[in-house]
Amino acid sequence: KMLQHSHTGIEMTCVLTGAFSHDGGHYGPGDFDLGDEAVDHQPVVDAGLECICLVAMQGELCLNGLIGRLMQPFVRL
């Protein structure tokens, strides 16, 4: 499970192997997920699978929640 986060721009994710889901749906090999500044999500990898994705992102990653705010200064994505 990733930390809850949003973005200041566009995020394009292509699933190469495995699968993940979030409020926007479920994504498996070959699927594309497109998000923008309006998306606030927490992707969760399917149990028992390794999930490898190719991500192209414009803008910055904005971590939410207490742990996310504490980690934000150290994450430069």
PDB file of N, CA and C in Angstrom:
ATOM      1  N   LYS A   1       0.854  -1.171   0.000  1.00  0.00           N
ATOM      2  CA  LYS A   1       0.000   0.000   0.000  1.00  0.00           C
ATOM      3  C   LYS A   1       0.898   1.232   0.000  1.00  0.00           C
ATOM      4  N   MET A   2       0.584   2.184  -0.861  1.00  0.00           N
ATOM      5  CA  MET A   2       1.326   3.441  -0.878  1.00  0.00           C
ATOM      6  C   MET A   2       0.660   4.411   0.100  1.00  0.00           C
ATOM      7  N   LEU A   3       1.360   5.485   0.405  1.00  0.00           N
ATOM      8  CA  LEU A   3       0.756   6.532   1.221  1.00  0.00           C
ATOM      9  C   LEU A   3      -0.308   7.271   0.407  1.00  0.00           C
ATOM     10  N   GLN A   4      -1.322   7.762   1.102  1.00  0.00           N
ATOM     11  CA  GLN A   4      -2.341   8.588   0.465  1.00  0.00           C
ATOM     12  C   GLN A   4      -1.641   9.800  -0.142  1.00  0.00           C
ATOM     13  N   HIS A   5      -1.947  10.102  -1.422  1.00  0.00           N
ATOM     14  CA  HIS A   5      -1.277  11.224  -2.063  1.00  0.00           C
ATOM     15  C   HIS A   5      -2.107  11.814  -3.199  1.00  0.00           C
ATOM     16  N   SER A   6      -1.703  13.009  -3.603  1.00  0.00           N
ATOM     17  CA  SER A   6      -2.279  13.681  -4.762  1.00  0.00           C
ATOM     18  C   SER A   6      -1.109  14.201  -5.598  1.00  0.00           C
ATOM     19  N   HIS A   7      -1.420  14.947  -6.641  1.00  0.00           N
ATOM     20  CA  HIS A   7      -0.394  15.439  -7.553  1.00  0.00           C
ATOM     21  C   HIS A   7      -0.683  16.882  -7.935  1.00  0.00           C
ATOM     22  N   THR A   8       0.360  17.603  -8.327  1.00  0.00           N
ATOM     23  CA  THR A   8       0.163  18.975  -8.809  1.00  0.00           C
ATOM     24  C   THR A   8       0.039  19.000 -10.324  1.00  0.00           C
ATOM     25  N   GLY A   9       0.124  17.855 -10.962  1.00  0.00           N
ATOM     26  CA  GLY A   9       0.020  17.755 -12.418  1.00  0.00           C
ATOM     27  C   GLY A   9      -0.562  16.409 -12.802  1.00  0.00           C
ATOM     28  N   ILE A  10      -0.172  15.929 -13.969  1.00  0.00           N
ATOM     29  CA  ILE A  10      -0.693  14.674 -14.499  1.00  0.00           C
ATOM     30  C   ILE A  10       0.212  13.507 -14.120  1.00  0.00           C
ATOM     31  N   GLU A  11      -0.405  12.354 -13.798  1.00  0.00           N
ATOM     32  CA  GLU A  11       0.323  11.115 -13.525  1.00  0.00           C
ATOM     33  C   GLU A  11      -0.235  10.048 -14.466  1.00  0.00           C
ATOM     34  N   MET A  12       0.647   9.421 -15.245  1.00  0.00           N
ATOM     35  CA  MET A  12       0.260   8.333 -16.137  1.00  0.00           C
ATOM     36  C   MET A  12       0.978   7.071 -15.677  1.00  0.00           C
ATOM     37  N   THR A  13       0.227   6.012 -15.404  1.00  0.00           N
ATOM     38  CA  THR A  13       0.791   4.761 -14.904  1.00  0.00           C
ATOM     39  C   THR A  13       0.432   3.630 -15.860  1.00  0.00           C
ATOM     40  N   CYS A  14       1.440   2.852 -16.254  1.00  0.00           N
ATOM     41  CA  CYS A  14       1.226   1.657 -17.069  1.00  0.00           C
ATOM     42  C   CYS A  14       1.662   0.456 -16.231  1.00  0.00           C
ATOM     43  N   VAL A  15       0.766  -0.503 -16.036  1.00  0.00           N
ATOM     44  CA  VAL A  15       1.082  -1.701 -15.257  1.00  0.00           C
ATOM     45  C   VAL A  15       1.809  -2.694 -16.167  1.00  0.00           C
ATOM     46  N   LEU A  16       3.036  -3.071 -15.772  1.00  0.00           N
ATOM     47  CA  LEU A  16       3.811  -4.041 -16.537  1.00  0.00           C
ATOM     48  C   LEU A  16       3.551  -5.460 -16.052  1.00  0.00           C
ATOM     49  N   THR A  17       3.583  -5.675 -14.728  1.00  0.00           N
ATOM     50  CA  THR A  17       3.252  -6.970 -14.136  1.00  0.00           C
ATOM     51  C   THR A  17       2.506  -6.736 -12.827  1.00  0.00           C
ATOM     52  N   GLY A  18       1.735  -7.721 -12.397  1.00  0.00           N
ATOM     53  CA  GLY A  18       0.987  -7.594 -11.154  1.00  0.00           C
ATOM     54  C   GLY A  18      -0.267  -6.761 -11.354  1.00  0.00           C
ATOM     55  N   ALA A  19      -0.776  -6.230 -10.260  1.00  0.00           N
ATOM     56  CA  ALA A  19      -2.004  -5.443 -10.321  1.00  0.00           C
ATOM     57  C   ALA A  19      -2.125  -4.583  -9.068  1.00  0.00           C
ATOM     58  N   PHE A  20      -2.875  -3.487  -9.196  1.00  0.00           N
ATOM     59  CA  PHE A  20      -3.166  -2.625  -8.052  1.00  0.00           C
ATOM     60  C   PHE A  20      -4.558  -2.045  -8.219  1.00  0.00           C
ATOM     61  N   SER A  21      -5.069  -1.484  -7.139  1.00  0.00           N
ATOM     62  CA  SER A  21      -6.366  -0.825  -7.197  1.00  0.00           C
ATOM     63  C   SER A  21      -6.357   0.406  -6.304  1.00  0.00           C
ATOM     64  N   HIS A  22      -7.291   1.300  -6.576  1.00  0.00           N
ATOM     65  CA  HIS A  22      -7.581   2.466  -5.743  1.00  0.00           C
ATOM     66  C   HIS A  22      -9.016   2.866  -6.046  1.00  0.00           C
ATOM     67  N   ASP A  23      -9.464   3.969  -5.503  1.00  0.00           N
ATOM     68  CA  ASP A  23     -10.857   4.381  -5.687  1.00  0.00           C
ATOM     69  C   ASP A  23     -11.253   4.491  -7.159  1.00  0.00           C
ATOM     70  N   GLY A  24     -10.270   4.708  -8.048  1.00  0.00           N
ATOM     71  CA  GLY A  24     -10.554   4.875  -9.471  1.00  0.00           C
ATOM     72  C   GLY A  24     -10.731   3.577 -10.231  1.00  0.00           C
ATOM     73  N   GLY A  25     -10.412   2.435  -9.606  1.00  0.00           N
ATOM     74  CA  GLY A  25     -10.588   1.162 -10.281  1.00  0.00           C
ATOM     75  C   GLY A  25      -9.486   0.167  -9.986  1.00  0.00           C
ATOM     76  N   HIS A  26      -9.485  -0.914 -10.765  1.00  0.00           N
ATOM     77  CA  HIS A  26      -8.504  -1.987 -10.635  1.00  0.00           C
ATOM     78  C   HIS A  26      -7.709  -2.057 -11.932  1.00  0.00           C
ATOM     79  N   TYR A  27      -6.372  -2.190 -11.830  1.00  0.00           N
ATOM     80  CA  TYR A  27      -5.496  -2.128 -12.993  1.00  0.00           C
ATOM     81  C   TYR A  27      -4.547  -3.312 -12.991  1.00  0.00           C
ATOM     82  N   GLY A  28      -4.487  -4.018 -14.137  1.00  0.00           N
ATOM     83  CA  GLY A  28      -3.614  -5.169 -14.291  1.00  0.00           C
ATOM     84  C   GLY A  28      -2.657  -4.968 -15.450  1.00  0.00           C
ATOM     85  N   PRO A  29      -1.898  -6.002 -15.815  1.00  0.00           N
ATOM     86  CA  PRO A  29      -0.897  -5.889 -16.870  1.00  0.00           C
ATOM     87  C   PRO A  29      -1.464  -5.292 -18.163  1.00  0.00           C
ATOM     88  N   GLY A  30      -0.789  -4.264 -18.669  1.00  0.00           N
ATOM     89  CA  GLY A  30      -1.211  -3.596 -19.898  1.00  0.00           C
ATOM     90  C   GLY A  30      -2.185  -2.456 -19.682  1.00  0.00           C
ATOM     91  N   ASP A  31      -2.728  -2.299 -18.471  1.00  0.00           N
ATOM     92  CA  ASP A  31      -3.675  -1.222 -18.198  1.00  0.00           C
ATOM     93  C   ASP A  31      -2.952   0.097 -17.956  1.00  0.00           C
ATOM     94  N   PHE A  32      -3.632   1.191 -18.294  1.00  0.00           N
ATOM     95  CA  PHE A  32      -3.131   2.536 -18.036  1.00  0.00           C
ATOM     96  C   PHE A  32      -4.070   3.231 -17.058  1.00  0.00           C
ATOM     97  N   ASP A  33      -3.498   3.963 -16.129  1.00  0.00           N
ATOM     98  CA  ASP A  33      -4.262   4.772 -15.175  1.00  0.00           C
ATOM     99  C   ASP A  33      -3.801   6.220 -15.355  1.00  0.00           C
ATOM    100  N   LEU A  34      -4.732   7.112 -15.578  1.00  0.00           N
ATOM    101  CA  LEU A  34      -4.412   8.532 -15.762  1.00  0.00           C
ATOM    102  C   LEU A  34      -5.055   9.331 -14.644  1.00  0.00           C
ATOM    103  N   GLY A  35      -4.252  10.122 -13.951  1.00  0.00           N
ATOM    104  CA  GLY A  35      -4.759  10.965 -12.873  1.00  0.00           C
ATOM    105  C   GLY A  35      -4.269  12.390 -13.034  1.00  0.00           C
ATOM    106  N   ASP A  36      -4.979  13.320 -12.407  1.00  0.00           N
ATOM    107  CA  ASP A  36      -4.579  14.726 -12.452  1.00  0.00           C
ATOM    108  C   ASP A  36      -4.667  15.319 -11.054  1.00  0.00           C
ATOM    109  N   GLU A  37      -4.669  16.659 -10.965  1.00  0.00           N
ATOM    110  CA  GLU A  37      -4.677  17.318  -9.652  1.00  0.00           C
ATOM    111  C   GLU A  37      -5.910  17.007  -8.824  1.00  0.00           C
ATOM    112  N   ALA A  38      -6.987  16.580  -9.454  1.00  0.00           N
ATOM    113  CA  ALA A  38      -8.230  16.289  -8.732  1.00  0.00           C
ATOM    114  C   ALA A  38      -8.194  14.920  -8.044  1.00  0.00           C
ATOM    115  N   VAL A  39      -7.230  14.075  -8.406  1.00  0.00           N
ATOM    116  CA  VAL A  39      -7.160  12.720  -7.859  1.00  0.00           C
ATOM    117  C   VAL A  39      -6.375  12.710  -6.550  1.00  0.00           C
ATOM    118  N   ASP A  40      -6.976  12.149  -5.521  1.00  0.00           N
ATOM    119  CA  ASP A  40      -6.337  11.942  -4.221  1.00  0.00           C
ATOM    120  C   ASP A  40      -6.538  10.463  -3.928  1.00  0.00           C
ATOM    121  N   HIS A  41      -5.461   9.673  -4.011  1.00  0.00           N
ATOM    122  CA  HIS A  41      -5.641   8.227  -3.940  1.00  0.00           C
ATOM    123  C   HIS A  41      -4.561   7.531  -3.117  1.00  0.00           C
ATOM    124  N   GLN A  42      -4.823   6.256  -2.840  1.00  0.00           N
ATOM    125  CA  GLN A  42      -3.895   5.405  -2.099  1.00  0.00           C
ATOM    126  C   GLN A  42      -3.872   4.035  -2.787  1.00  0.00           C
ATOM    127  N   PRO A  43      -3.020   3.881  -3.821  1.00  0.00           N
ATOM    128  CA  PRO A  43      -2.953   2.603  -4.528  1.00  0.00           C
ATOM    129  C   PRO A  43      -2.548   1.457  -3.599  1.00  0.00           C
ATOM    130  N   VAL A  44      -3.185   0.298  -3.804  1.00  0.00           N
ATOM    131  CA  VAL A  44      -2.914  -0.903  -3.014  1.00  0.00           C
ATOM    132  C   VAL A  44      -2.618  -2.046  -3.988  1.00  0.00           C
ATOM    133  N   VAL A  45      -1.456  -2.682  -3.826  1.00  0.00           N
ATOM    134  CA  VAL A  45      -1.057  -3.815  -4.668  1.00  0.00           C
ATOM    135  C   VAL A  45      -1.864  -5.043  -4.275  1.00  0.00           C
ATOM    136  N   ASP A  46      -2.286  -5.812  -5.279  1.00  0.00           N
ATOM    137  CA  ASP A  46      -3.029  -7.053  -5.009  1.00  0.00           C
ATOM    138  C   ASP A  46      -2.177  -8.014  -4.177  1.00  0.00           C
ATOM    139  N   ALA A  47      -2.812  -8.701  -3.252  1.00  0.00           N
ATOM    140  CA  ALA A  47      -2.113  -9.642  -2.373  1.00  0.00           C
ATOM    141  C   ALA A  47      -1.454 -10.756  -3.172  1.00  0.00           C
ATOM    142  N   GLY A  48      -0.254 -11.127  -2.752  1.00  0.00           N
ATOM    143  CA  GLY A  48       0.452 -12.246  -3.360  1.00  0.00           C
ATOM    144  C   GLY A  48       1.125 -11.955  -4.685  1.00  0.00           C
ATOM    145  N   LEU A  49       1.042 -10.723  -5.165  1.00  0.00           N
ATOM    146  CA  LEU A  49       1.641 -10.376  -6.445  1.00  0.00           C
ATOM    147  C   LEU A  49       2.661  -9.256  -6.289  1.00  0.00           C
ATOM    148  N   GLU A  50       3.692  -9.311  -7.113  1.00  0.00           N
ATOM    149  CA  GLU A  50       4.629  -8.205  -7.209  1.00  0.00           C
ATOM    150  C   GLU A  50       4.093  -7.288  -8.305  1.00  0.00           C
ATOM    151  N   CYS A  51       4.028  -5.999  -8.064  1.00  0.00           N
ATOM    152  CA  CYS A  51       3.469  -5.067  -9.037  1.00  0.00           C
ATOM    153  C   CYS A  51       4.578  -4.131  -9.521  1.00  0.00           C
ATOM    154  N   ILE A  52       4.826  -4.160 -10.833  1.00  0.00           N
ATOM    155  CA  ILE A  52       5.831  -3.286 -11.429  1.00  0.00           C
ATOM    156  C   ILE A  52       5.116  -2.392 -12.431  1.00  0.00           C
ATOM    157  N   CYS A  53       5.294  -1.078 -12.249  1.00  0.00           N
ATOM    158  CA  CYS A  53       4.625  -0.100 -13.104  1.00  0.00           C
ATOM    159  C   CYS A  53       5.639   0.888 -13.659  1.00  0.00           C
ATOM    160  N   LEU A  54       5.308   1.440 -14.810  1.00  0.00           N
ATOM    161  CA  LEU A  54       6.063   2.537 -15.396  1.00  0.00           C
ATOM    162  C   LEU A  54       5.211   3.779 -15.188  1.00  0.00           C
ATOM    163  N   VAL A  55       5.785   4.795 -14.512  1.00  0.00           N
ATOM    164  CA  VAL A  55       5.028   6.005 -14.188  1.00  0.00           C
ATOM    165  C   VAL A  55       5.701   7.217 -14.808  1.00  0.00           C
ATOM    166  N   ALA A  56       4.896   8.031 -15.491  1.00  0.00           N
ATOM    167  CA  ALA A  56       5.347   9.327 -16.006  1.00  0.00           C
ATOM    168  C   ALA A  56       4.523  10.379 -15.280  1.00  0.00           C
ATOM    169  N   MET A  57       5.209  11.350 -14.698  1.00  0.00           N
ATOM    170  CA  MET A  57       4.522  12.321 -13.859  1.00  0.00           C
ATOM    171  C   MET A  57       4.968  13.735 -14.214  1.00  0.00           C
ATOM    172  N   GLN A  58       4.000  14.628 -14.324  1.00  0.00           N
ATOM    173  CA  GLN A  58       4.274  16.042 -14.538  1.00  0.00           C
ATOM    174  C   GLN A  58       3.840  16.750 -13.261  1.00  0.00           C
ATOM    175  N   GLY A  59       4.699  17.559 -12.695  1.00  0.00           N
ATOM    176  CA  GLY A  59       4.380  18.202 -11.427  1.00  0.00           C
ATOM    177  C   GLY A  59       4.996  17.439 -10.272  1.00  0.00           C
ATOM    178  N   GLU A  60       4.438  17.648  -9.088  1.00  0.00           N
ATOM    179  CA  GLU A  60       4.999  17.048  -7.878  1.00  0.00           C
ATOM    180  C   GLU A  60       4.012  16.104  -7.213  1.00  0.00           C
ATOM    181  N   LEU A  61       4.559  15.186  -6.445  1.00  0.00           N
ATOM    182  CA  LEU A  61       3.788  14.274  -5.616  1.00  0.00           C
ATOM    183  C   LEU A  61       3.528  14.974  -4.283  1.00  0.00           C
ATOM    184  N   CYS A  62       2.288  14.968  -3.811  1.00  0.00           N
ATOM    185  CA  CYS A  62       1.918  15.613  -2.548  1.00  0.00           C
ATOM    186  C   CYS A  62       1.405  14.537  -1.587  1.00  0.00           C
ATOM    187  N   LEU A  63       2.238  14.173  -0.607  1.00  0.00           N
ATOM    188  CA  LEU A  63       1.860  13.150   0.358  1.00  0.00           C
ATOM    189  C   LEU A  63       0.891  13.731   1.379  1.00  0.00           C
ATOM    190  N   ASN A  64      -0.128  12.949   1.748  1.00  0.00           N
ATOM    191  CA  ASN A  64      -1.151  13.403   2.694  1.00  0.00           C
ATOM    192  C   ASN A  64      -1.023  12.657   4.012  1.00  0.00           C
ATOM    193  N   GLY A  65      -1.718  13.120   5.015  1.00  0.00           N
ATOM    194  CA  GLY A  65      -1.705  12.480   6.321  1.00  0.00           C
ATOM    195  C   GLY A  65      -0.467  12.866   7.115  1.00  0.00           C
ATOM    196  N   LEU A  66      -0.436  12.483   8.377  1.00  0.00           N
ATOM    197  CA  LEU A  66       0.652  12.838   9.278  1.00  0.00           C
ATOM    198  C   LEU A  66       1.992  12.281   8.804  1.00  0.00           C
ATOM    199  N   ILE A  67       2.020  10.985   8.487  1.00  0.00           N
ATOM    200  CA  ILE A  67       3.272  10.366   8.033  1.00  0.00           C
ATOM    201  C   ILE A  67       3.717  10.996   6.718  1.00  0.00           C
ATOM    202  N   GLY A  68       2.783  11.229   5.817  1.00  0.00           N
ATOM    203  CA  GLY A  68       3.110  11.845   4.540  1.00  0.00           C
ATOM    204  C   GLY A  68       3.698  13.239   4.699  1.00  0.00           C
ATOM    205  N   ARG A  69       3.110  14.036   5.574  1.00  0.00           N
ATOM    206  CA  ARG A  69       3.630  15.402   5.798  1.00  0.00           C
ATOM    207  C   ARG A  69       5.018  15.365   6.425  1.00  0.00           C
ATOM    208  N   LEU A  70       5.275  14.370   7.277  1.00  0.00           N
ATOM    209  CA  LEU A  70       6.612  14.236   7.870  1.00  0.00           C
ATOM    210  C   LEU A  70       7.640  13.803   6.829  1.00  0.00           C
ATOM    211  N   MET A  71       7.233  12.957   5.884  1.00  0.00           N
ATOM    212  CA  MET A  71       8.149  12.458   4.859  1.00  0.00           C
ATOM    213  C   MET A  71       8.327  13.408   3.682  1.00  0.00           C
ATOM    214  N   GLN A  72       7.362  14.297   3.424  1.00  0.00           N
ATOM    215  CA  GLN A  72       7.366  15.156   2.234  1.00  0.00           C
ATOM    216  C   GLN A  72       8.695  15.890   2.006  1.00  0.00           C
ATOM    217  N   PRO A  73       9.339  16.468   3.023  1.00  0.00           N
ATOM    218  CA  PRO A  73      10.588  17.173   2.763  1.00  0.00           C
ATOM    219  C   PRO A  73      11.714  16.279   2.224  1.00  0.00           C
ATOM    220  N   PHE A  74      11.602  14.957   2.461  1.00  0.00           N
ATOM    221  CA  PHE A  74      12.634  14.027   2.020  1.00  0.00           C
ATOM    222  C   PHE A  74      12.344  13.356   0.686  1.00  0.00           C
ATOM    223  N   VAL A  75      11.112  13.517   0.189  1.00  0.00           N
ATOM    224  CA  VAL A  75      10.693  12.906  -1.074  1.00  0.00           C
ATOM    225  C   VAL A  75      10.672  13.981  -2.141  1.00  0.00           C
ATOM    226  N   ARG A  76      11.522  13.845  -3.119  1.00  0.00           N
ATOM    227  CA  ARG A  76      11.608  14.841  -4.194  1.00  0.00           C
ATOM    228  C   ARG A  76      11.106  14.255  -5.503  1.00  0.00           C
ATOM    229  N   LEU A  77       9.833  13.882  -5.553  1.00  0.00           N
ATOM    230  CA  LEU A  77       9.230  13.339  -6.781  1.00  0.00           C
ATOM    231  C   LEU A  77       8.262  14.327  -7.324  1.00  0.00           C
TER     232      LEU A  77
END
